[in-house]
Amino acid sequence: MAQFGKYNFMWLTLSLIGLLFGAALTRELPDAVTLQILEIGSIVLL
C-alpha cells in the first residue's frame, strides 16, 4: 500500500511538472518561477 501511494504521488508530481512546463512554453509563467518550481519538483522526486 505504501509503495502504491509513493507511485501515485510520483505520478502526480510528474504531471504537475508537465503542466508547469506547458505553462512556461506558453509564457504564462515567468522563467524564474518556472525554474524554481522545477527545482523543487526534482528535489521532491529524489
N, C-alpha and C. Protein backbone atom coordinates (compact mmCIF):
# COMPACT_ATOMS: atom_id res chain seq x y z
N MET A 1 0.83 -1.21 0.00
CA MET A 1 0.00 0.00 0.00
C MET A 1 0.87 1.26 0.00
N ALA A 2 1.94 1.22 0.79
CA ALA A 2 2.85 2.37 0.84
C ALA A 2 3.51 2.60 -0.52
N GLN A 3 3.85 1.50 -1.19
CA GLN A 3 4.50 1.60 -2.49
C GLN A 3 3.54 2.20 -3.52
N PHE A 4 2.30 1.80 -3.46
CA PHE A 4 1.29 2.34 -4.37
C PHE A 4 1.12 3.84 -4.14
N GLY A 5 1.10 4.25 -2.86
CA GLY A 5 0.97 5.66 -2.53
C GLY A 5 2.13 6.46 -3.07
N LYS A 6 3.34 5.89 -2.95
CA LYS A 6 4.53 6.59 -3.44
C LYS A 6 4.48 6.73 -4.95
N TYR A 7 4.06 5.67 -5.64
CA TYR A 7 3.95 5.71 -7.10
C TYR A 7 2.92 6.75 -7.53
N ASN A 8 1.80 6.77 -6.82
CA ASN A 8 0.74 7.71 -7.12
C ASN A 8 1.23 9.14 -6.95
N PHE A 9 1.96 9.39 -5.87
CA PHE A 9 2.49 10.73 -5.59
C PHE A 9 3.48 11.15 -6.66
N MET A 10 4.32 10.20 -7.10
CA MET A 10 5.32 10.49 -8.12
C MET A 10 4.62 10.86 -9.44
N TRP A 11 3.59 10.11 -9.77
CA TRP A 11 2.84 10.38 -11.00
C TRP A 11 2.20 11.76 -10.94
N LEU A 12 1.65 12.10 -9.79
CA LEU A 12 1.01 13.40 -9.60
C LEU A 12 2.03 14.52 -9.76
N THR A 13 3.22 14.33 -9.17
CA THR A 13 4.28 15.34 -9.26
C THR A 13 4.73 15.51 -10.70
N LEU A 14 4.87 14.39 -11.42
CA LEU A 14 5.32 14.45 -12.81
C LEU A 14 4.29 15.16 -13.69
N SER A 15 3.03 14.91 -13.46
CA SER A 15 2.01 15.57 -14.27
C SER A 15 1.96 17.06 -13.93
N LEU A 16 2.20 17.39 -12.65
CA LEU A 16 2.23 18.79 -12.24
C LEU A 16 3.37 19.52 -12.94
N ILE A 17 4.56 18.87 -12.97
CA ILE A 17 5.72 19.44 -13.65
C ILE A 17 5.42 19.60 -15.14
N GLY A 18 4.74 18.61 -15.71
CA GLY A 18 4.37 18.69 -17.12
C GLY A 18 3.46 19.87 -17.40
N LEU A 19 2.49 20.09 -16.52
CA LEU A 19 1.58 21.23 -16.68
C LEU A 19 2.33 22.54 -16.57
N LEU A 20 3.26 22.62 -15.61
CA LEU A 20 4.04 23.84 -15.42
C LEU A 20 4.93 24.09 -16.63
N PHE A 21 5.48 23.01 -17.17
CA PHE A 21 6.32 23.12 -18.36
C PHE A 21 5.50 23.67 -19.52
N GLY A 22 4.28 23.17 -19.66
CA GLY A 22 3.39 23.65 -20.70
C GLY A 22 3.05 25.12 -20.51
N ALA A 23 2.81 25.52 -19.26
CA ALA A 23 2.51 26.92 -18.96
C ALA A 23 3.71 27.80 -19.29
N ALA A 24 4.92 27.30 -19.02
CA ALA A 24 6.14 28.05 -19.31
C ALA A 24 6.29 28.22 -20.81
N LEU A 25 5.96 27.17 -21.56
CA LEU A 25 6.09 27.24 -23.02
C LEU A 25 5.13 28.26 -23.62
N THR A 26 3.98 28.42 -22.99
CA THR A 26 3.03 29.41 -23.48
C THR A 26 3.22 30.76 -22.80
N ARG A 27 4.32 30.89 -22.05
CA ARG A 27 4.71 32.16 -21.42
C ARG A 27 3.68 32.67 -20.42
N GLU A 28 3.00 31.75 -19.73
CA GLU A 28 2.06 32.20 -18.70
C GLU A 28 2.79 32.44 -17.38
N LEU A 29 3.95 31.80 -17.23
CA LEU A 29 4.73 31.97 -16.00
C LEU A 29 6.08 32.59 -16.34
N PRO A 30 6.61 33.41 -15.43
CA PRO A 30 7.97 33.93 -15.62
C PRO A 30 8.99 32.79 -15.54
N ASP A 31 10.09 32.92 -16.28
CA ASP A 31 11.11 31.87 -16.32
C ASP A 31 11.65 31.53 -14.94
N ALA A 32 11.92 32.55 -14.13
CA ALA A 32 12.50 32.32 -12.80
C ALA A 32 11.58 31.46 -11.94
N VAL A 33 10.30 31.76 -11.98
CA VAL A 33 9.32 30.99 -11.20
C VAL A 33 9.28 29.54 -11.67
N THR A 34 9.28 29.36 -12.98
CA THR A 34 9.23 28.01 -13.55
C THR A 34 10.44 27.20 -13.13
N LEU A 35 11.63 27.81 -13.23
CA LEU A 35 12.85 27.10 -12.85
C LEU A 35 12.82 26.73 -11.37
N GLN A 36 12.34 27.64 -10.54
CA GLN A 36 12.27 27.38 -9.10
C GLN A 36 11.34 26.20 -8.82
N ILE A 37 10.19 26.19 -9.48
CA ILE A 37 9.22 25.11 -9.27
C ILE A 37 9.77 23.78 -9.76
N LEU A 38 10.47 23.81 -10.90
CA LEU A 38 11.07 22.58 -11.42
C LEU A 38 12.15 22.05 -10.48
N GLU A 39 12.93 22.97 -9.89
CA GLU A 39 13.95 22.56 -8.92
C GLU A 39 13.30 21.89 -7.72
N ILE A 40 12.24 22.50 -7.20
CA ILE A 40 11.52 21.93 -6.05
C ILE A 40 10.97 20.56 -6.41
N GLY A 41 10.42 20.44 -7.62
CA GLY A 41 9.86 19.17 -8.08
C GLY A 41 10.90 18.08 -8.15
N SER A 42 12.09 18.42 -8.65
CA SER A 42 13.15 17.41 -8.77
C SER A 42 13.65 16.99 -7.39
N ILE A 43 13.69 17.95 -6.45
CA ILE A 43 14.11 17.61 -5.08
C ILE A 43 13.10 16.66 -4.45
N VAL A 44 11.82 16.94 -4.69
CA VAL A 44 10.76 16.08 -4.14
C VAL A 44 10.87 14.66 -4.70
N LEU A 45 11.15 14.56 -6.02
CA LEU A 45 11.25 13.25 -6.65
C LEU A 45 12.45 12.46 -6.14
N LEU A 46 13.55 13.16 -5.85
CA LEU A 46 14.74 12.47 -5.34
C LEU A 46 14.58 12.27 -3.84
